[in-house]
Amino acid sequence: MIIRFTYLLITLTLLTFLNQTRFKKKDLLGQSKIIFYDESIKLLPEAGKAFMAMREAALVEGIEIEIVSAYRSYERQKFIWNRKFYSNAQNGISPKENLNKIIEYSTLPGTSRHHWGTDIDIIDGKKPKEGDLLLEEKFHENGPYVRLREWMEKNANRFGFYLPYTDNPKRKGFNYEPWHYSFAPLSIPMLQEYLKLDLINLLVPKDLNGENSIDEKFLESYIDENVLGINPKLKGF
């Protein structure tokens, strides 16, 4: 009995250590090279395997879960941020207003959950692809992705996928995104490791548009409301 207990204790300690050391800073910031489940499904292997099982289950009911966006690198997120900031500035939006407008839906590079290879934006591939796909109205009322949303709300959790940005009016941060799901078995420990980083000093490179307007107060609020303004089931604490 003592030997068995000692073995169990060593095993649990080892698993805890592996969980803490698996994810490096570059992994968490979207700056490392990831080995994907498949090049067409840019997710970590565990997340990709779970996604495929979920996709097959949905197909049985005539719903084709199609990934619009999965892994997104730091450089890609920086490009998106800079493009939006420039476009908004061209329309006369002040720097402070510009920041607040962008973070309604888009993240600062280095803070996107898509950096982790655990998160997906999805549509129903059986429906026509017209205009902007990731709009709230397309997932509600008479939108083309209503059945997908309803199926995901009923079934996604059993495959490990959860909605980070819910429609809970008390939740702060990014707007409601019915298309965005996160693979909790990996994204929870990744978030916990991510929060140990010195984020205040990591998130504003010199080539980021608007960097002169991003001060420590903004970053503290952004981390509290946007990084942590998620479904409580994805926090792990």
C-alpha atoms as a PDB file:
ATOM      1  CA  MET A   1       0.000   0.000   0.000  1.00  0.00           C
ATOM      2  CA  ILE A   2       2.823   2.416   0.902  1.00  0.00           C
ATOM      3  CA  ILE A   3       4.659   1.595  -2.325  1.00  0.00           C
ATOM      4  CA  ARG A   4       1.472   2.114  -4.370  1.00  0.00           C
ATOM      5  CA  PHE A   5       0.801   5.467  -2.632  1.00  0.00           C
ATOM      6  CA  THR A   6       4.389   6.595  -3.201  1.00  0.00           C
ATOM      7  CA  TYR A   7       4.128   5.665  -6.893  1.00  0.00           C
ATOM      8  CA  LEU A   8       0.884   7.626  -7.228  1.00  0.00           C
ATOM      9  CA  LEU A   9       2.411  10.658  -5.509  1.00  0.00           C
ATOM     10  CA  ILE A  10       5.453  10.578  -7.805  1.00  0.00           C
ATOM     11  CA  THR A  11       3.205  10.220 -10.862  1.00  0.00           C
ATOM     12  CA  LEU A  12       1.018  13.174  -9.874  1.00  0.00           C
ATOM     13  CA  THR A  13       4.098  15.299  -9.140  1.00  0.00           C
ATOM     14  CA  LEU A  14       5.578  14.415 -12.525  1.00  0.00           C
ATOM     15  CA  LEU A  15       2.339  15.245 -14.343  1.00  0.00           C
ATOM     16  CA  THR A  16       2.164  18.606 -12.571  1.00  0.00           C
ATOM     17  CA  PHE A  17       5.765  19.352 -13.521  1.00  0.00           C
ATOM     18  CA  LEU A  18       5.177  18.391 -17.173  1.00  0.00           C
ATOM     19  CA  ASN A  19       2.063  20.544 -17.327  1.00  0.00           C
ATOM     20  CA  GLN A  20       3.983  23.542 -15.962  1.00  0.00           C
ATOM     21  CA  THR A  21       6.984  23.129 -18.251  1.00  0.00           C
ATOM     22  CA  ARG A  22       5.285  22.061 -21.475  1.00  0.00           C
ATOM     23  CA  PHE A  23       4.290  25.553 -22.542  1.00  0.00           C
ATOM     24  CA  LYS A  24       7.146  27.974 -23.101  1.00  0.00           C
ATOM     25  CA  LYS A  25       6.922  31.754 -23.391  1.00  0.00           C
ATOM     26  CA  LYS A  26       7.155  31.692 -27.176  1.00  0.00           C
ATOM     27  CA  ASP A  27       4.381  29.074 -27.351  1.00  0.00           C
ATOM     28  CA  LEU A  28       2.089  31.274 -25.301  1.00  0.00           C
ATOM     29  CA  LEU A  29       2.850  34.425 -27.306  1.00  0.00           C
ATOM     30  CA  GLY A  30       2.412  32.831 -30.720  1.00  0.00           C
ATOM     31  CA  GLN A  31       6.100  33.086 -31.563  1.00  0.00           C
ATOM     32  CA  SER A  32       7.111  29.426 -31.832  1.00  0.00           C
ATOM     33  CA  LYS A  33       6.770  26.837 -34.569  1.00  0.00           C
ATOM     34  CA  ILE A  34       3.879  24.522 -33.763  1.00  0.00           C
ATOM     35  CA  ILE A  35       3.448  20.913 -34.856  1.00  0.00           C
ATOM     36  CA  PHE A  36      -0.205  20.792 -35.893  1.00  0.00           C
ATOM     37  CA  TYR A  37      -2.676  17.925 -35.910  1.00  0.00           C
ATOM     38  CA  ASP A  38      -2.844  18.496 -39.661  1.00  0.00           C
ATOM     39  CA  GLU A  39      -1.784  21.344 -41.944  1.00  0.00           C
ATOM     40  CA  SER A  40      -5.418  21.835 -42.924  1.00  0.00           C
ATOM     41  CA  ILE A  41      -6.462  21.864 -39.246  1.00  0.00           C
ATOM     42  CA  LYS A  42      -4.038  24.188 -37.518  1.00  0.00           C
ATOM     43  CA  LEU A  43      -4.581  22.965 -33.966  1.00  0.00           C
ATOM     44  CA  LEU A  44      -2.382  21.163 -31.476  1.00  0.00           C
ATOM     45  CA  PRO A  45      -2.716  17.388 -31.955  1.00  0.00           C
ATOM     46  CA  GLU A  46      -4.961  16.821 -28.912  1.00  0.00           C
ATOM     47  CA  ALA A  47      -7.261  19.667 -29.913  1.00  0.00           C
ATOM     48  CA  GLY A  48      -7.315  18.535 -33.545  1.00  0.00           C
ATOM     49  CA  LYS A  49      -8.265  14.997 -32.595  1.00  0.00           C
ATOM     50  CA  ALA A  50     -11.127  16.260 -30.419  1.00  0.00           C
ATOM     51  CA  PHE A  51     -12.266  18.615 -33.183  1.00  0.00           C
ATOM     52  CA  MET A  52     -12.411  15.795 -35.731  1.00  0.00           C
ATOM     53  CA  ALA A  53     -14.533  13.692 -33.377  1.00  0.00           C
ATOM     54  CA  MET A  54     -16.873  16.646 -32.861  1.00  0.00           C
ATOM     55  CA  ARG A  55     -17.029  17.337 -36.592  1.00  0.00           C
ATOM     56  CA  GLU A  56     -17.973  13.734 -37.349  1.00  0.00           C
ATOM     57  CA  ALA A  57     -20.742  13.838 -34.745  1.00  0.00           C
ATOM     58  CA  ALA A  58     -22.153  17.039 -36.256  1.00  0.00           C
ATOM     59  CA  LEU A  59     -22.034  15.622 -39.781  1.00  0.00           C
ATOM     60  CA  VAL A  60     -24.440  12.883 -38.705  1.00  0.00           C
ATOM     61  CA  GLU A  61     -26.986  15.649 -38.130  1.00  0.00           C
ATOM     62  CA  GLY A  62     -26.250  17.421 -41.392  1.00  0.00           C
ATOM     63  CA  ILE A  63     -23.982  20.130 -39.967  1.00  0.00           C
ATOM     64  CA  GLU A  64     -20.488  20.580 -41.384  1.00  0.00           C
ATOM     65  CA  ILE A  65     -18.274  22.347 -38.851  1.00  0.00           C
ATOM     66  CA  GLU A  66     -15.758  24.303 -40.908  1.00  0.00           C
ATOM     67  CA  ILE A  67     -12.842  26.142 -39.355  1.00  0.00           C
ATOM     68  CA  VAL A  68     -12.470  29.705 -40.599  1.00  0.00           C
ATOM     69  CA  SER A  69      -9.537  30.460 -38.303  1.00  0.00           C
ATOM     70  CA  ALA A  70      -7.523  28.339 -35.867  1.00  0.00           C
ATOM     71  CA  TYR A  71      -3.854  28.996 -35.031  1.00  0.00           C
ATOM     72  CA  ARG A  72      -2.751  32.568 -35.632  1.00  0.00           C
ATOM     73  CA  SER A  73       0.861  33.642 -35.205  1.00  0.00           C
ATOM     74  CA  TYR A  74       2.063  36.707 -33.354  1.00  0.00           C
ATOM     75  CA  GLU A  75       3.139  38.313 -36.636  1.00  0.00           C
ATOM     76  CA  ARG A  76      -0.253  37.660 -38.223  1.00  0.00           C
ATOM     77  CA  GLN A  77      -2.051  39.187 -35.237  1.00  0.00           C
ATOM     78  CA  LYS A  78       0.268  42.212 -35.351  1.00  0.00           C
ATOM     79  CA  PHE A  79      -0.554  42.670 -39.043  1.00  0.00           C
ATOM     80  CA  ILE A  80      -4.296  42.563 -38.283  1.00  0.00           C
ATOM     81  CA  TRP A  81      -3.881  45.064 -35.443  1.00  0.00           C
ATOM     82  CA  ASN A  82      -1.759  47.481 -37.470  1.00  0.00           C
ATOM     83  CA  ARG A  83      -4.118  47.317 -40.453  1.00  0.00           C
ATOM     84  CA  LYS A  84      -7.166  48.091 -38.320  1.00  0.00           C
ATOM     85  CA  PHE A  85      -5.424  50.880 -36.448  1.00  0.00           C
ATOM     86  CA  TYR A  86      -4.288  52.498 -39.696  1.00  0.00           C
ATOM     87  CA  SER A  87      -7.742  52.195 -41.281  1.00  0.00           C
ATOM     88  CA  ASN A  88      -9.454  53.695 -38.237  1.00  0.00           C
ATOM     89  CA  ALA A  89      -6.910  56.529 -38.076  1.00  0.00           C
ATOM     90  CA  GLN A  90      -7.567  57.317 -41.731  1.00  0.00           C
ATOM     91  CA  ASN A  91     -11.239  57.763 -40.796  1.00  0.00           C
ATOM     92  CA  GLY A  92     -10.315  60.362 -38.187  1.00  0.00           C
ATOM     93  CA  ILE A  93     -10.589  58.206 -35.065  1.00  0.00           C
ATOM     94  CA  SER A  94      -8.332  59.392 -32.241  1.00  0.00           C
ATOM     95  CA  PRO A  95      -5.626  57.022 -30.904  1.00  0.00           C
ATOM     96  CA  LYS A  96      -7.443  56.273 -27.620  1.00  0.00           C
ATOM     97  CA  GLU A  97     -10.769  55.698 -29.383  1.00  0.00           C
ATOM     98  CA  ASN A  98      -8.935  53.596 -31.938  1.00  0.00           C
ATOM     99  CA  LEU A  99      -7.593  51.237 -29.271  1.00  0.00           C
ATOM    100  CA  ASN A 100     -11.020  50.800 -27.711  1.00  0.00           C
ATOM    101  CA  LYS A 101     -12.648  50.186 -31.084  1.00  0.00           C
ATOM    102  CA  ILE A 102     -10.134  47.513 -32.086  1.00  0.00           C
ATOM    103  CA  ILE A 103     -10.437  45.583 -28.814  1.00  0.00           C
ATOM    104  CA  GLU A 104     -14.162  45.127 -29.238  1.00  0.00           C
ATOM    105  CA  TYR A 105     -13.241  42.009 -31.242  1.00  0.00           C
ATOM    106  CA  SER A 106      -9.482  41.966 -31.964  1.00  0.00           C
ATOM    107  CA  THR A 107      -6.615  41.332 -29.585  1.00  0.00           C
ATOM    108  CA  LEU A 108      -3.246  42.877 -29.019  1.00  0.00           C
ATOM    109  CA  PRO A 109      -0.591  40.648 -30.591  1.00  0.00           C
ATOM    110  CA  GLY A 110       0.713  38.331 -27.921  1.00  0.00           C
ATOM    111  CA  THR A 111      -2.693  38.065 -26.210  1.00  0.00           C
ATOM    112  CA  SER A 112      -4.792  36.149 -28.736  1.00  0.00           C
ATOM    113  CA  ARG A 113      -6.107  32.758 -27.665  1.00  0.00           C
ATOM    114  CA  HIS A 114      -5.567  31.775 -31.301  1.00  0.00           C
ATOM    115  CA  HIS A 115      -1.807  31.854 -30.593  1.00  0.00           C
ATOM    116  CA  TRP A 116      -2.177  28.624 -28.628  1.00  0.00           C
ATOM    117  CA  GLY A 117      -3.461  26.208 -31.268  1.00  0.00           C
ATOM    118  CA  THR A 118      -6.477  25.498 -29.067  1.00  0.00           C
ATOM    119  CA  ASP A 119      -9.102  27.912 -30.377  1.00  0.00           C
ATOM    120  CA  ILE A 120     -11.259  27.945 -33.491  1.00  0.00           C
ATOM    121  CA  ASP A 121     -13.643  30.251 -35.318  1.00  0.00           C
ATOM    122  CA  ILE A 122     -16.258  28.162 -37.110  1.00  0.00           C
ATOM    123  CA  ILE A 123     -19.134  28.265 -39.588  1.00  0.00           C
ATOM    124  CA  ASP A 124     -21.390  25.645 -41.164  1.00  0.00           C
ATOM    125  CA  GLY A 125     -19.617  24.658 -44.364  1.00  0.00           C
ATOM    126  CA  LYS A 126     -22.868  23.444 -45.912  1.00  0.00           C
ATOM    127  CA  LYS A 127     -24.185  27.006 -46.058  1.00  0.00           C
ATOM    128  CA  PRO A 128     -23.346  29.637 -48.716  1.00  0.00           C
ATOM    129  CA  LYS A 129     -20.353  31.830 -47.908  1.00  0.00           C
ATOM    130  CA  GLU A 130     -21.541  35.369 -48.553  1.00  0.00           C
ATOM    131  CA  GLY A 131     -20.057  38.592 -47.174  1.00  0.00           C
ATOM    132  CA  ASP A 132     -18.580  38.719 -43.672  1.00  0.00           C
ATOM    133  CA  LEU A 133     -19.004  35.261 -42.159  1.00  0.00           C
ATOM    134  CA  LEU A 134     -18.341  35.961 -38.484  1.00  0.00           C
ATOM    135  CA  LEU A 135     -21.219  38.246 -37.612  1.00  0.00           C
ATOM    136  CA  GLU A 136     -23.492  37.727 -34.608  1.00  0.00           C
ATOM    137  CA  GLU A 137     -26.670  38.001 -36.692  1.00  0.00           C
ATOM    138  CA  LYS A 138     -25.602  35.056 -38.847  1.00  0.00           C
ATOM    139  CA  PHE A 139     -25.771  32.813 -35.780  1.00  0.00           C
ATOM    140  CA  HIS A 140     -29.174  34.040 -34.565  1.00  0.00           C
ATOM    141  CA  GLU A 141     -32.773  34.516 -35.740  1.00  0.00           C
ATOM    142  CA  ASN A 142     -32.842  33.561 -39.446  1.00  0.00           C
ATOM    143  CA  GLY A 143     -29.076  33.468 -39.930  1.00  0.00           C
ATOM    144  CA  PRO A 144     -27.443  30.602 -41.863  1.00  0.00           C
ATOM    145  CA  TYR A 145     -25.505  29.315 -38.844  1.00  0.00           C
ATOM    146  CA  VAL A 146     -28.328  29.048 -36.310  1.00  0.00           C
ATOM    147  CA  ARG A 147     -28.407  25.228 -36.412  1.00  0.00           C
ATOM    148  CA  LEU A 148     -24.630  25.150 -35.959  1.00  0.00           C
ATOM    149  CA  ARG A 149     -24.855  27.431 -32.913  1.00  0.00           C
ATOM    150  CA  GLU A 150     -27.652  25.380 -31.375  1.00  0.00           C
ATOM    151  CA  TRP A 151     -25.789  22.113 -31.991  1.00  0.00           C
ATOM    152  CA  MET A 152     -22.592  23.496 -30.489  1.00  0.00           C
ATOM    153  CA  GLU A 153     -24.403  24.842 -27.430  1.00  0.00           C
ATOM    154  CA  LYS A 154     -25.811  21.370 -26.843  1.00  0.00           C
ATOM    155  CA  ASN A 155     -22.812  19.205 -27.727  1.00  0.00           C
ATOM    156  CA  ALA A 156     -19.484  21.078 -27.818  1.00  0.00           C
ATOM    157  CA  ASN A 157     -18.687  20.697 -24.116  1.00  0.00           C
ATOM    158  CA  ARG A 158     -18.616  16.908 -24.278  1.00  0.00           C
ATOM    159  CA  PHE A 159     -15.752  17.174 -26.769  1.00  0.00           C
ATOM    160  CA  GLY A 160     -13.891  19.660 -24.557  1.00  0.00           C
ATOM    161  CA  PHE A 161     -14.829  22.838 -26.464  1.00  0.00           C
ATOM    162  CA  TYR A 162     -16.242  25.897 -24.697  1.00  0.00           C
ATOM    163  CA  LEU A 163     -17.308  29.371 -25.798  1.00  0.00           C
ATOM    164  CA  PRO A 164     -14.853  31.934 -24.328  1.00  0.00           C
ATOM    165  CA  TYR A 165     -16.805  35.073 -25.165  1.00  0.00           C
ATOM    166  CA  THR A 166     -20.338  34.348 -24.043  1.00  0.00           C
ATOM    167  CA  ASP A 167     -23.385  36.607 -24.233  1.00  0.00           C
ATOM    168  CA  ASN A 168     -23.470  37.022 -20.452  1.00  0.00           C
ATOM    169  CA  PRO A 169     -24.153  40.771 -19.976  1.00  0.00           C
ATOM    170  CA  LYS A 170     -22.008  40.793 -16.823  1.00  0.00           C
ATOM    171  CA  ARG A 171     -18.925  39.590 -18.689  1.00  0.00           C
ATOM    172  CA  LYS A 172     -16.366  42.276 -19.518  1.00  0.00           C
ATOM    173  CA  GLY A 173     -13.996  42.481 -22.461  1.00  0.00           C
ATOM    174  CA  PHE A 174     -14.488  41.325 -26.028  1.00  0.00           C
ATOM    175  CA  ASN A 175     -17.935  41.274 -27.563  1.00  0.00           C
ATOM    176  CA  TYR A 176     -19.977  38.077 -27.751  1.00  0.00           C
ATOM    177  CA  GLU A 177     -18.575  35.640 -30.345  1.00  0.00           C
ATOM    178  CA  PRO A 178     -20.887  32.667 -31.014  1.00  0.00           C
ATOM    179  CA  TRP A 179     -18.371  31.325 -33.553  1.00  0.00           C
ATOM    180  CA  HIS A 180     -15.347  31.087 -31.240  1.00  0.00           C
ATOM    181  CA  TYR A 181     -14.643  27.881 -29.289  1.00  0.00           C
ATOM    182  CA  SER A 182     -11.693  26.862 -27.137  1.00  0.00           C
ATOM    183  CA  PHE A 183     -10.394  23.376 -26.308  1.00  0.00           C
ATOM    184  CA  ALA A 184     -10.435  23.565 -22.512  1.00  0.00           C
ATOM    185  CA  PRO A 185      -8.129  20.630 -21.620  1.00  0.00           C
ATOM    186  CA  LEU A 186      -5.243  22.565 -23.193  1.00  0.00           C
ATOM    187  CA  SER A 187      -6.303  26.212 -23.109  1.00  0.00           C
ATOM    188  CA  ILE A 188      -6.902  26.207 -19.336  1.00  0.00           C
ATOM    189  CA  PRO A 189      -3.332  25.188 -18.397  1.00  0.00           C
ATOM    190  CA  MET A 190      -1.986  27.459 -21.134  1.00  0.00           C
ATOM    191  CA  LEU A 191      -3.879  30.429 -19.675  1.00  0.00           C
ATOM    192  CA  GLN A 192      -2.528  29.630 -16.216  1.00  0.00           C
ATOM    193  CA  GLU A 193       1.053  29.594 -17.543  1.00  0.00           C
ATOM    194  CA  TYR A 194       0.407  32.687 -19.669  1.00  0.00           C
ATOM    195  CA  LEU A 195      -0.647  34.725 -16.635  1.00  0.00           C
ATOM    196  CA  LYS A 196       2.751  34.050 -15.032  1.00  0.00           C
ATOM    197  CA  LEU A 197       4.505  36.027 -17.793  1.00  0.00           C
ATOM    198  CA  ASP A 198       5.586  39.637 -17.348  1.00  0.00           C
ATOM    199  CA  LEU A 199       2.841  40.760 -19.711  1.00  0.00           C
ATOM    200  CA  ILE A 200       3.093  44.476 -19.006  1.00  0.00           C
ATOM    201  CA  ASN A 201       6.612  44.506 -20.462  1.00  0.00           C
ATOM    202  CA  LEU A 202       5.989  42.013 -23.268  1.00  0.00           C
ATOM    203  CA  LEU A 203       2.968  43.295 -25.143  1.00  0.00           C
ATOM    204  CA  VAL A 204       3.939  46.570 -26.830  1.00  0.00           C
ATOM    205  CA  PRO A 205       6.624  46.256 -29.507  1.00  0.00           C
ATOM    206  CA  LYS A 206       7.974  49.426 -31.106  1.00  0.00           C
ATOM    207  CA  ASP A 207       6.475  48.564 -34.509  1.00  0.00           C
ATOM    208  CA  LEU A 208       2.909  48.297 -33.185  1.00  0.00           C
ATOM    209  CA  ASN A 209       0.569  51.021 -34.400  1.00  0.00           C
ATOM    210  CA  GLY A 210      -0.718  53.069 -31.480  1.00  0.00           C
ATOM    211  CA  GLU A 211       2.044  51.940 -29.137  1.00  0.00           C
ATOM    212  CA  ASN A 212       2.521  55.493 -27.824  1.00  0.00           C
ATOM    213  CA  SER A 213      -1.056  55.418 -26.501  1.00  0.00           C
ATOM    214  CA  ILE A 214      -0.745  52.023 -24.803  1.00  0.00           C
ATOM    215  CA  ASP A 215       0.324  52.724 -21.235  1.00  0.00           C
ATOM    216  CA  GLU A 216       0.489  50.516 -18.161  1.00  0.00           C
ATOM    217  CA  LYS A 217      -3.006  51.531 -17.025  1.00  0.00           C
ATOM    218  CA  PHE A 218      -4.465  50.473 -20.381  1.00  0.00           C
ATOM    219  CA  LEU A 219      -2.624  47.144 -20.274  1.00  0.00           C
ATOM    220  CA  GLU A 220      -3.731  46.368 -16.712  1.00  0.00           C
ATOM    221  CA  SER A 221      -7.347  47.038 -17.662  1.00  0.00           C
ATOM    222  CA  TYR A 222      -6.982  45.076 -20.908  1.00  0.00           C
ATOM    223  CA  ILE A 223      -5.572  42.004 -19.123  1.00  0.00           C
ATOM    224  CA  ASP A 224      -8.273  42.139 -16.449  1.00  0.00           C
ATOM    225  CA  GLU A 225     -11.201  42.681 -18.792  1.00  0.00           C
ATOM    226  CA  ASN A 226     -10.174  41.225 -22.153  1.00  0.00           C
ATOM    227  CA  VAL A 227      -7.738  38.433 -21.365  1.00  0.00           C
ATOM    228  CA  LEU A 228      -9.693  37.370 -18.275  1.00  0.00           C
ATOM    229  CA  GLY A 229     -13.143  38.464 -19.460  1.00  0.00           C
ATOM    230  CA  ILE A 230     -14.010  34.922 -20.515  1.00  0.00           C
ATOM    231  CA  ASN A 231     -16.315  32.048 -19.674  1.00  0.00           C
ATOM    232  CA  PRO A 232     -15.475  31.065 -16.044  1.00  0.00           C
ATOM    233  CA  LYS A 233     -15.258  27.427 -17.146  1.00  0.00           C
ATOM    234  CA  LEU A 234     -12.137  28.320 -19.140  1.00  0.00           C
ATOM    235  CA  LYS A 235     -10.272  29.980 -16.299  1.00  0.00           C
ATOM    236  CA  GLY A 236      -9.432  26.985 -14.169  1.00  0.00           C
ATOM    237  CA  PHE A 237      -9.531  29.074 -10.989  1.00  0.00           C
END
